[in-house]
Amino acid sequence: MSLYRDTGVVLRVQKLGEADRIITLLTRQHGKVRAVAKGVRRTTSRFGARLEPFGHVDVQFYTGRTLDIVTQVETLDAFGVGLVGDYQRYTAACAVLETADRLTAEEGEPVLRLYLLVAGALRALADGERDPSLVLDAFLLRAMAFAGWAPAVVECARCGDPGPHRAFSVQAGGSVCVRCRPAGSASPAADTLTLLGALLHGDWAIAEAVESGARRETSGLVAALLQWHLERQLRSLPLVERRARPTAAAVEETS
């Protein structure tokens, strides 16, 4: 019998037969893994509740001919507990899982960086200390960077001319200079480009100081970039509630 163990995040589950499920996980060492969890839909299952989306688990697998079999599960982080009661955080977390699933088409290929990004985003959303929209957009930008699709924020995406530039083209891959600007390019606010750079590089002090208008514009550009590269829209992304929390500056003004 060939056994192996790994830690992973449950991305989705599918019914199989009367009592089983196919569990899709993004794991630390083995990338995407699809495995059968036998009997988990029965009320007497030993680990059915542990194999739900958002779960961060330690899993032991038995290597099968087509799909591997889950034999043991231990919960590391029950992220779902901090997500299901808040619609904004829950929908943002759903978009995180769907993005990770789409970006890992090949099973069994290690994607450690993406696994860490997913676990970190779910932890931040479950903790509730940061604005869910900012957490989601930061994850999407860094996930695109992992896939080789990082947008140009300061330099021109086409000629590399140093910026900042006032035009932004999704098709061109980000900011574009006056010479390279294609027809139909957007002209985002300076704060929007600042926020894009801050989220991409994890500068939360700058990101959380940006006003709600620039946050909304940033979310629109991030969603457009992701859809362009994936060549289809995420089903979960239109459901995300983009209700920005007040900035620290706004709180001080009203107090």
C-alpha atoms as a PDB file:
ATOM      1  CA  MET A   1       0.000   0.000   0.000  1.00  0.00           C
ATOM      2  CA  SER A   2       1.411   3.417  -1.046  1.00  0.00           C
ATOM      3  CA  LEU A   3       0.622   6.148   1.492  1.00  0.00           C
ATOM      4  CA  TYR A   4       1.635   9.800   1.558  1.00  0.00           C
ATOM      5  CA  ARG A   5       0.786  12.766   3.762  1.00  0.00           C
ATOM      6  CA  ASP A   6       0.445  16.468   3.027  1.00  0.00           C
ATOM      7  CA  THR A   7      -1.196  19.658   4.263  1.00  0.00           C
ATOM      8  CA  GLY A   8      -3.708  21.408   2.062  1.00  0.00           C
ATOM      9  CA  VAL A   9      -6.689  23.715   1.661  1.00  0.00           C
ATOM     10  CA  VAL A  10      -9.998  22.241   0.508  1.00  0.00           C
ATOM     11  CA  LEU A  11     -10.982  24.048  -2.694  1.00  0.00           C
ATOM     12  CA  ARG A  12     -14.221  22.237  -3.542  1.00  0.00           C
ATOM     13  CA  VAL A  13     -16.193  19.052  -3.019  1.00  0.00           C
ATOM     14  CA  GLN A  14     -18.362  16.946  -5.361  1.00  0.00           C
ATOM     15  CA  LYS A  15     -20.842  14.212  -4.569  1.00  0.00           C
ATOM     16  CA  LEU A  16     -19.874  10.691  -5.587  1.00  0.00           C
ATOM     17  CA  GLY A  17     -22.339   7.858  -5.292  1.00  0.00           C
ATOM     18  CA  GLU A  18     -24.605   7.734  -2.240  1.00  0.00           C
ATOM     19  CA  ALA A  19     -22.147   8.515   0.548  1.00  0.00           C
ATOM     20  CA  ASP A  20     -18.770   9.539  -0.920  1.00  0.00           C
ATOM     21  CA  ARG A  21     -17.274  12.785  -2.129  1.00  0.00           C
ATOM     22  CA  ILE A  22     -14.466  13.822  -4.433  1.00  0.00           C
ATOM     23  CA  ILE A  23     -12.371  16.379  -2.566  1.00  0.00           C
ATOM     24  CA  THR A  24     -10.158  18.842  -4.449  1.00  0.00           C
ATOM     25  CA  LEU A  25      -7.312  20.235  -2.351  1.00  0.00           C
ATOM     26  CA  LEU A  26      -4.408  22.575  -2.978  1.00  0.00           C
ATOM     27  CA  THR A  27      -1.533  21.026  -1.061  1.00  0.00           C
ATOM     28  CA  ARG A  28       1.874  22.220   0.047  1.00  0.00           C
ATOM     29  CA  GLN A  29       3.997  19.525  -1.618  1.00  0.00           C
ATOM     30  CA  HIS A  30       1.811  17.921  -4.297  1.00  0.00           C
ATOM     31  CA  GLY A  31      -0.095  20.875  -5.736  1.00  0.00           C
ATOM     32  CA  LYS A  32      -3.681  20.142  -6.688  1.00  0.00           C
ATOM     33  CA  VAL A  33      -4.908  16.757  -5.507  1.00  0.00           C
ATOM     34  CA  ARG A  34      -8.300  15.180  -6.225  1.00  0.00           C
ATOM     35  CA  ALA A  35      -9.137  12.326  -3.875  1.00  0.00           C
ATOM     36  CA  VAL A  36     -12.134  10.258  -2.840  1.00  0.00           C
ATOM     37  CA  ALA A  37     -13.342  10.583   0.759  1.00  0.00           C
ATOM     38  CA  LYS A  38     -15.402   7.485   1.374  1.00  0.00           C
ATOM     39  CA  GLY A  39     -18.537   7.676   3.502  1.00  0.00           C
ATOM     40  CA  VAL A  40     -18.120  11.348   4.428  1.00  0.00           C
ATOM     41  CA  ARG A  41     -21.765  12.156   3.672  1.00  0.00           C
ATOM     42  CA  ARG A  42     -22.943   9.755   6.335  1.00  0.00           C
ATOM     43  CA  THR A  43     -23.695  11.196   9.777  1.00  0.00           C
ATOM     44  CA  THR A  44     -21.391   8.593  11.305  1.00  0.00           C
ATOM     45  CA  SER A  45     -18.366   9.729   9.263  1.00  0.00           C
ATOM     46  CA  ARG A  46     -15.206  10.268  11.315  1.00  0.00           C
ATOM     47  CA  PHE A  47     -13.943  13.234   9.301  1.00  0.00           C
ATOM     48  CA  GLY A  48     -16.733  14.441   7.017  1.00  0.00           C
ATOM     49  CA  ALA A  49     -16.994  17.866   8.656  1.00  0.00           C
ATOM     50  CA  ARG A  50     -13.244  18.412   8.289  1.00  0.00           C
ATOM     51  CA  LEU A  51     -13.337  18.079   4.505  1.00  0.00           C
ATOM     52  CA  GLU A  52     -15.373  21.153   3.654  1.00  0.00           C
ATOM     53  CA  PRO A  53     -14.315  24.156   1.536  1.00  0.00           C
ATOM     54  CA  PHE A  54     -12.011  26.619   3.378  1.00  0.00           C
ATOM     55  CA  GLY A  55     -10.686  23.839   5.615  1.00  0.00           C
ATOM     56  CA  HIS A  56      -6.917  23.793   6.150  1.00  0.00           C
ATOM     57  CA  VAL A  57      -6.089  20.195   6.910  1.00  0.00           C
ATOM     58  CA  ASP A  58      -3.376  17.596   7.361  1.00  0.00           C
ATOM     59  CA  VAL A  59      -4.364  14.647   5.157  1.00  0.00           C
ATOM     60  CA  GLN A  60      -3.100  11.138   4.576  1.00  0.00           C
ATOM     61  CA  PHE A  61      -3.796   9.629   1.155  1.00  0.00           C
ATOM     62  CA  TYR A  62      -3.663   6.131  -0.287  1.00  0.00           C
ATOM     63  CA  THR A  63      -2.547   6.134  -3.909  1.00  0.00           C
ATOM     64  CA  GLY A  64      -5.320   4.765  -6.129  1.00  0.00           C
ATOM     65  CA  ARG A  65      -5.394   3.827  -9.801  1.00  0.00           C
ATOM     66  CA  THR A  66      -7.425   6.847 -10.913  1.00  0.00           C
ATOM     67  CA  LEU A  67      -8.127   8.914  -7.810  1.00  0.00           C
ATOM     68  CA  ASP A  68      -6.324   8.753  -4.481  1.00  0.00           C
ATOM     69  CA  ILE A  69      -8.228   7.832  -1.320  1.00  0.00           C
ATOM     70  CA  VAL A  70      -8.375   9.937   1.855  1.00  0.00           C
ATOM     71  CA  THR A  71      -7.545   7.755   4.861  1.00  0.00           C
ATOM     72  CA  GLN A  72      -6.908  10.259   7.677  1.00  0.00           C
ATOM     73  CA  VAL A  73      -7.680  13.951   8.249  1.00  0.00           C
ATOM     74  CA  GLU A  74      -6.701  16.393  10.973  1.00  0.00           C
ATOM     75  CA  THR A  75      -7.888  20.002  11.057  1.00  0.00           C
ATOM     76  CA  LEU A  76      -5.141  22.622  11.178  1.00  0.00           C
ATOM     77  CA  ASP A  77      -7.299  25.738  10.703  1.00  0.00           C
ATOM     78  CA  ALA A  78     -11.096  25.849  10.471  1.00  0.00           C
ATOM     79  CA  PHE A  79     -11.202  29.030   8.392  1.00  0.00           C
ATOM     80  CA  GLY A  80     -14.857  28.466   7.519  1.00  0.00           C
ATOM     81  CA  VAL A  81     -15.935  29.251  11.085  1.00  0.00           C
ATOM     82  CA  GLY A  82     -14.799  32.855  10.652  1.00  0.00           C
ATOM     83  CA  LEU A  83     -16.236  33.196   7.137  1.00  0.00           C
ATOM     84  CA  VAL A  84     -19.713  31.708   6.854  1.00  0.00           C
ATOM     85  CA  GLY A  85     -21.359  34.296   9.119  1.00  0.00           C
ATOM     86  CA  ASP A  86     -20.163  37.302   7.091  1.00  0.00           C
ATOM     87  CA  TYR A  87     -21.366  37.561   3.488  1.00  0.00           C
ATOM     88  CA  GLN A  88     -18.589  39.901   2.340  1.00  0.00           C
ATOM     89  CA  ARG A  89     -15.784  37.765   3.751  1.00  0.00           C
ATOM     90  CA  TYR A  90     -17.462  34.520   2.651  1.00  0.00           C
ATOM     91  CA  THR A  91     -17.881  35.609  -0.989  1.00  0.00           C
ATOM     92  CA  ALA A  92     -14.322  36.965  -1.098  1.00  0.00           C
ATOM     93  CA  ALA A  93     -13.064  33.613   0.208  1.00  0.00           C
ATOM     94  CA  CYS A  94     -15.092  31.770  -2.445  1.00  0.00           C
ATOM     95  CA  ALA A  95     -13.360  33.889  -5.115  1.00  0.00           C
ATOM     96  CA  VAL A  96      -9.979  32.989  -3.598  1.00  0.00           C
ATOM     97  CA  LEU A  97     -10.736  29.263  -3.823  1.00  0.00           C
ATOM     98  CA  GLU A  98     -12.113  29.452  -7.370  1.00  0.00           C
ATOM     99  CA  THR A  99      -9.092  31.445  -8.563  1.00  0.00           C
ATOM    100  CA  ALA A 100      -6.689  28.914  -7.058  1.00  0.00           C
ATOM    101  CA  ASP A 101      -8.617  26.079  -8.695  1.00  0.00           C
ATOM    102  CA  ARG A 102      -8.500  27.763 -12.117  1.00  0.00           C
ATOM    103  CA  LEU A 103      -4.787  28.568 -11.886  1.00  0.00           C
ATOM    104  CA  THR A 104      -3.795  24.952 -11.152  1.00  0.00           C
ATOM    105  CA  ALA A 105      -4.943  22.986 -14.156  1.00  0.00           C
ATOM    106  CA  GLU A 106      -2.249  20.329 -13.740  1.00  0.00           C
ATOM    107  CA  GLU A 107      -2.660  17.928 -10.833  1.00  0.00           C
ATOM    108  CA  GLY A 108       0.374  16.779  -8.876  1.00  0.00           C
ATOM    109  CA  GLU A 109       2.536  19.787  -9.833  1.00  0.00           C
ATOM    110  CA  PRO A 110       3.948  21.581  -6.724  1.00  0.00           C
ATOM    111  CA  VAL A 111       2.720  25.178  -6.417  1.00  0.00           C
ATOM    112  CA  LEU A 112       4.030  26.135  -2.985  1.00  0.00           C
ATOM    113  CA  ARG A 113       3.782  29.883  -3.522  1.00  0.00           C
ATOM    114  CA  LEU A 114       0.130  29.689  -4.556  1.00  0.00           C
ATOM    115  CA  TYR A 115      -0.667  27.386  -1.637  1.00  0.00           C
ATOM    116  CA  LEU A 116       0.865  29.921   0.773  1.00  0.00           C
ATOM    117  CA  LEU A 117      -1.052  32.757  -0.889  1.00  0.00           C
ATOM    118  CA  VAL A 118      -4.357  30.906  -0.518  1.00  0.00           C
ATOM    119  CA  ALA A 119      -3.756  29.955   3.115  1.00  0.00           C
ATOM    120  CA  GLY A 120      -2.663  33.508   3.924  1.00  0.00           C
ATOM    121  CA  ALA A 121      -5.679  35.096   2.225  1.00  0.00           C
ATOM    122  CA  LEU A 122      -8.136  32.770   3.988  1.00  0.00           C
ATOM    123  CA  ARG A 123      -6.458  33.453   7.334  1.00  0.00           C
ATOM    124  CA  ALA A 124      -6.672  37.220   6.787  1.00  0.00           C
ATOM    125  CA  LEU A 125     -10.338  36.985   5.747  1.00  0.00           C
ATOM    126  CA  ALA A 126     -11.246  34.751   8.694  1.00  0.00           C
ATOM    127  CA  ASP A 127      -9.466  37.028  11.171  1.00  0.00           C
ATOM    128  CA  GLY A 128     -11.513  39.983   9.928  1.00  0.00           C
ATOM    129  CA  GLU A 129      -8.858  42.588  10.689  1.00  0.00           C
ATOM    130  CA  ARG A 130      -8.461  43.864   7.125  1.00  0.00           C
ATOM    131  CA  ASP A 131     -10.972  45.019   4.537  1.00  0.00           C
ATOM    132  CA  PRO A 132     -12.110  41.862   2.655  1.00  0.00           C
ATOM    133  CA  SER A 133     -12.026  43.666  -0.698  1.00  0.00           C
ATOM    134  CA  LEU A 134      -8.402  44.686  -0.176  1.00  0.00           C
ATOM    135  CA  VAL A 135      -7.462  41.160   0.899  1.00  0.00           C
ATOM    136  CA  LEU A 136      -9.148  39.684  -2.174  1.00  0.00           C
ATOM    137  CA  ASP A 137      -7.584  42.159  -4.616  1.00  0.00           C
ATOM    138  CA  ALA A 138      -4.147  41.628  -3.054  1.00  0.00           C
ATOM    139  CA  PHE A 139      -4.560  37.880  -3.452  1.00  0.00           C
ATOM    140  CA  LEU A 140      -5.746  38.155  -7.061  1.00  0.00           C
ATOM    141  CA  LEU A 141      -2.831  40.409  -8.020  1.00  0.00           C
ATOM    142  CA  ARG A 142      -0.262  38.140  -6.369  1.00  0.00           C
ATOM    143  CA  ALA A 143      -1.890  35.024  -7.833  1.00  0.00           C
ATOM    144  CA  MET A 144      -1.631  36.597 -11.291  1.00  0.00           C
ATOM    145  CA  ALA A 145       2.019  37.395 -10.573  1.00  0.00           C
ATOM    146  CA  PHE A 146       2.519  33.730  -9.655  1.00  0.00           C
ATOM    147  CA  ALA A 147       1.042  32.769 -13.035  1.00  0.00           C
ATOM    148  CA  GLY A 148       3.351  35.230 -14.825  1.00  0.00           C
ATOM    149  CA  TRP A 149       0.660  37.859 -15.372  1.00  0.00           C
ATOM    150  CA  ALA A 150       1.787  40.604 -12.960  1.00  0.00           C
ATOM    151  CA  PRO A 151       0.483  43.939 -14.277  1.00  0.00           C
ATOM    152  CA  ALA A 152       2.869  46.805 -14.949  1.00  0.00           C
ATOM    153  CA  VAL A 153       2.024  49.532 -12.446  1.00  0.00           C
ATOM    154  CA  VAL A 154       4.842  52.078 -12.764  1.00  0.00           C
ATOM    155  CA  GLU A 155       6.722  51.328 -15.989  1.00  0.00           C
ATOM    156  CA  CYS A 156       5.069  51.045 -19.411  1.00  0.00           C
ATOM    157  CA  ALA A 157       3.860  47.500 -20.062  1.00  0.00           C
ATOM    158  CA  ARG A 158       4.956  47.676 -23.698  1.00  0.00           C
ATOM    159  CA  CYS A 159       8.216  49.651 -23.885  1.00  0.00           C
ATOM    160  CA  GLY A 160       9.304  49.708 -20.248  1.00  0.00           C
ATOM    161  CA  ASP A 161       9.496  53.494 -20.097  1.00  0.00           C
ATOM    162  CA  PRO A 162       9.600  54.592 -16.420  1.00  0.00           C
ATOM    163  CA  GLY A 163       6.408  56.136 -15.102  1.00  0.00           C
ATOM    164  CA  PRO A 164       4.054  56.652 -13.518  1.00  0.00           C
ATOM    165  CA  HIS A 165       1.789  56.785 -16.555  1.00  0.00           C
ATOM    166  CA  ARG A 166      -1.834  57.910 -16.625  1.00  0.00           C
ATOM    167  CA  ALA A 167      -3.196  55.292 -19.032  1.00  0.00           C
ATOM    168  CA  PHE A 168      -3.952  51.651 -18.191  1.00  0.00           C
ATOM    169  CA  SER A 169      -4.686  48.924 -20.727  1.00  0.00           C
ATOM    170  CA  VAL A 170      -5.871  45.498 -19.628  1.00  0.00           C
ATOM    171  CA  GLN A 171      -4.963  43.967 -22.993  1.00  0.00           C
ATOM    172  CA  ALA A 172      -1.458  45.477 -22.902  1.00  0.00           C
ATOM    173  CA  GLY A 173      -0.837  44.258 -19.358  1.00  0.00           C
ATOM    174  CA  GLY A 174      -1.036  47.400 -17.237  1.00  0.00           C
ATOM    175  CA  SER A 175       0.142  50.996 -17.344  1.00  0.00           C
ATOM    176  CA  VAL A 176       1.093  52.348 -20.755  1.00  0.00           C
ATOM    177  CA  CYS A 177       2.870  55.519 -21.844  1.00  0.00           C
ATOM    178  CA  VAL A 178       1.438  58.069 -24.272  1.00  0.00           C
ATOM    179  CA  ARG A 179       3.304  56.541 -27.240  1.00  0.00           C
ATOM    180  CA  CYS A 180       2.173  52.972 -26.524  1.00  0.00           C
ATOM    181  CA  ARG A 181      -1.358  53.711 -25.354  1.00  0.00           C
ATOM    182  CA  PRO A 182      -3.852  51.623 -27.377  1.00  0.00           C
ATOM    183  CA  ALA A 183      -7.353  52.808 -28.166  1.00  0.00           C
ATOM    184  CA  GLY A 184      -9.838  52.226 -25.362  1.00  0.00           C
ATOM    185  CA  SER A 185      -7.295  52.469 -22.535  1.00  0.00           C
ATOM    186  CA  ALA A 186      -8.592  53.542 -19.142  1.00  0.00           C
ATOM    187  CA  SER A 187      -7.334  56.621 -17.282  1.00  0.00           C
ATOM    188  CA  PRO A 188      -7.386  55.570 -13.618  1.00  0.00           C
ATOM    189  CA  ALA A 189      -6.795  58.012 -10.777  1.00  0.00           C
ATOM    190  CA  ALA A 190      -3.287  58.307  -9.377  1.00  0.00           C
ATOM    191  CA  ASP A 191      -4.503  56.768  -6.105  1.00  0.00           C
ATOM    192  CA  THR A 192      -5.728  53.725  -8.017  1.00  0.00           C
ATOM    193  CA  LEU A 193      -2.280  53.043  -9.437  1.00  0.00           C
ATOM    194  CA  THR A 194      -0.786  53.633  -5.981  1.00  0.00           C
ATOM    195  CA  LEU A 195      -3.192  51.083  -4.519  1.00  0.00           C
ATOM    196  CA  LEU A 196      -2.424  48.533  -7.244  1.00  0.00           C
ATOM    197  CA  GLY A 197       1.271  48.756  -6.422  1.00  0.00           C
ATOM    198  CA  ALA A 198       0.693  48.614  -2.672  1.00  0.00           C
ATOM    199  CA  LEU A 199      -1.499  45.504  -2.898  1.00  0.00           C
ATOM    200  CA  LEU A 200       0.882  43.784  -5.281  1.00  0.00           C
ATOM    201  CA  HIS A 201       3.825  44.337  -2.936  1.00  0.00           C
ATOM    202  CA  GLY A 202       2.034  43.986   0.405  1.00  0.00           C
ATOM    203  CA  ASP A 203       2.337  47.589   1.612  1.00  0.00           C
ATOM    204  CA  TRP A 204      -0.761  47.587   3.818  1.00  0.00           C
ATOM    205  CA  ALA A 205      -0.116  50.983   5.443  1.00  0.00           C
ATOM    206  CA  ILE A 206      -0.460  52.647   2.030  1.00  0.00           C
ATOM    207  CA  ALA A 207      -3.291  50.379   0.851  1.00  0.00           C
ATOM    208  CA  GLU A 208      -5.503  51.011   3.879  1.00  0.00           C
ATOM    209  CA  ALA A 209      -5.065  54.799   3.591  1.00  0.00           C
ATOM    210  CA  VAL A 210      -6.516  54.944   0.055  1.00  0.00           C
ATOM    211  CA  GLU A 211     -10.086  56.240  -0.223  1.00  0.00           C
ATOM    212  CA  SER A 212     -13.075  54.114  -1.255  1.00  0.00           C
ATOM    213  CA  GLY A 213     -13.368  55.575  -4.765  1.00  0.00           C
ATOM    214  CA  ALA A 214      -9.891  54.409  -5.726  1.00  0.00           C
ATOM    215  CA  ARG A 215     -10.570  51.052  -4.072  1.00  0.00           C
ATOM    216  CA  ARG A 216     -13.613  50.481  -6.273  1.00  0.00           C
ATOM    217  CA  GLU A 217     -11.696  51.467  -9.406  1.00  0.00           C
ATOM    218  CA  THR A 218      -8.837  49.166  -8.415  1.00  0.00           C
ATOM    219  CA  SER A 219     -11.222  46.236  -7.907  1.00  0.00           C
ATOM    220  CA  GLY A 220     -12.628  46.803 -11.383  1.00  0.00           C
ATOM    221  CA  LEU A 221      -9.182  46.788 -12.988  1.00  0.00           C
ATOM    222  CA  VAL A 222      -8.096  43.684 -11.063  1.00  0.00           C
ATOM    223  CA  ALA A 223     -11.257  41.805 -12.080  1.00  0.00           C
ATOM    224  CA  ALA A 224     -10.796  42.861 -15.715  1.00  0.00           C
ATOM    225  CA  LEU A 225      -7.155  41.708 -15.708  1.00  0.00           C
ATOM    226  CA  LEU A 226      -8.050  38.340 -14.228  1.00  0.00           C
ATOM    227  CA  GLN A 227     -10.886  37.774 -16.694  1.00  0.00           C
ATOM    228  CA  TRP A 228      -8.628  38.718 -19.612  1.00  0.00           C
ATOM    229  CA  HIS A 229      -5.947  36.221 -18.629  1.00  0.00           C
ATOM    230  CA  LEU A 230      -8.310  33.392 -17.681  1.00  0.00           C
ATOM    231  CA  GLU A 231     -10.414  34.089 -20.799  1.00  0.00           C
ATOM    232  CA  ARG A 232     -13.550  33.680 -18.701  1.00  0.00           C
ATOM    233  CA  GLN A 233     -15.118  35.276 -15.659  1.00  0.00           C
ATOM    234  CA  LEU A 234     -15.067  33.685 -12.231  1.00  0.00           C
ATOM    235  CA  ARG A 235     -18.568  32.640 -11.190  1.00  0.00           C
ATOM    236  CA  SER A 236     -17.965  33.803  -7.629  1.00  0.00           C
ATOM    237  CA  LEU A 237     -16.488  37.240  -8.382  1.00  0.00           C
ATOM    238  CA  PRO A 238     -19.750  39.062  -9.309  1.00  0.00           C
ATOM    239  CA  LEU A 239     -21.212  37.906  -5.972  1.00  0.00           C
ATOM    240  CA  VAL A 240     -18.493  39.579  -3.908  1.00  0.00           C
ATOM    241  CA  GLU A 241     -19.837  42.494  -1.908  1.00  0.00           C
ATOM    242  CA  ARG A 242     -17.525  45.472  -2.385  1.00  0.00           C
ATOM    243  CA  ARG A 243     -18.478  47.393   0.746  1.00  0.00           C
ATOM    244  CA  ALA A 244     -15.366  49.340   1.720  1.00  0.00           C
ATOM    245  CA  ARG A 245     -14.686  49.968   5.381  1.00  0.00           C
ATOM    246  CA  PRO A 246     -13.946  53.582   6.344  1.00  0.00           C
ATOM    247  CA  THR A 247     -10.271  54.514   6.230  1.00  0.00           C
ATOM    248  CA  ALA A 248      -8.371  55.450   9.356  1.00  0.00           C
ATOM    249  CA  ALA A 249      -8.361  59.085   8.237  1.00  0.00           C
ATOM    250  CA  ALA A 250     -12.133  59.105   7.825  1.00  0.00           C
ATOM    251  CA  VAL A 251     -12.622  57.585  11.284  1.00  0.00           C
ATOM    252  CA  GLU A 252     -10.462  60.303  12.830  1.00  0.00           C
ATOM    253  CA  GLU A 253     -12.426  63.055  11.057  1.00  0.00           C
ATOM    254  CA  THR A 254     -15.759  61.795  12.388  1.00  0.00           C
ATOM    255  CA  SER A 255     -14.542  61.224  15.958  1.00  0.00           C
END
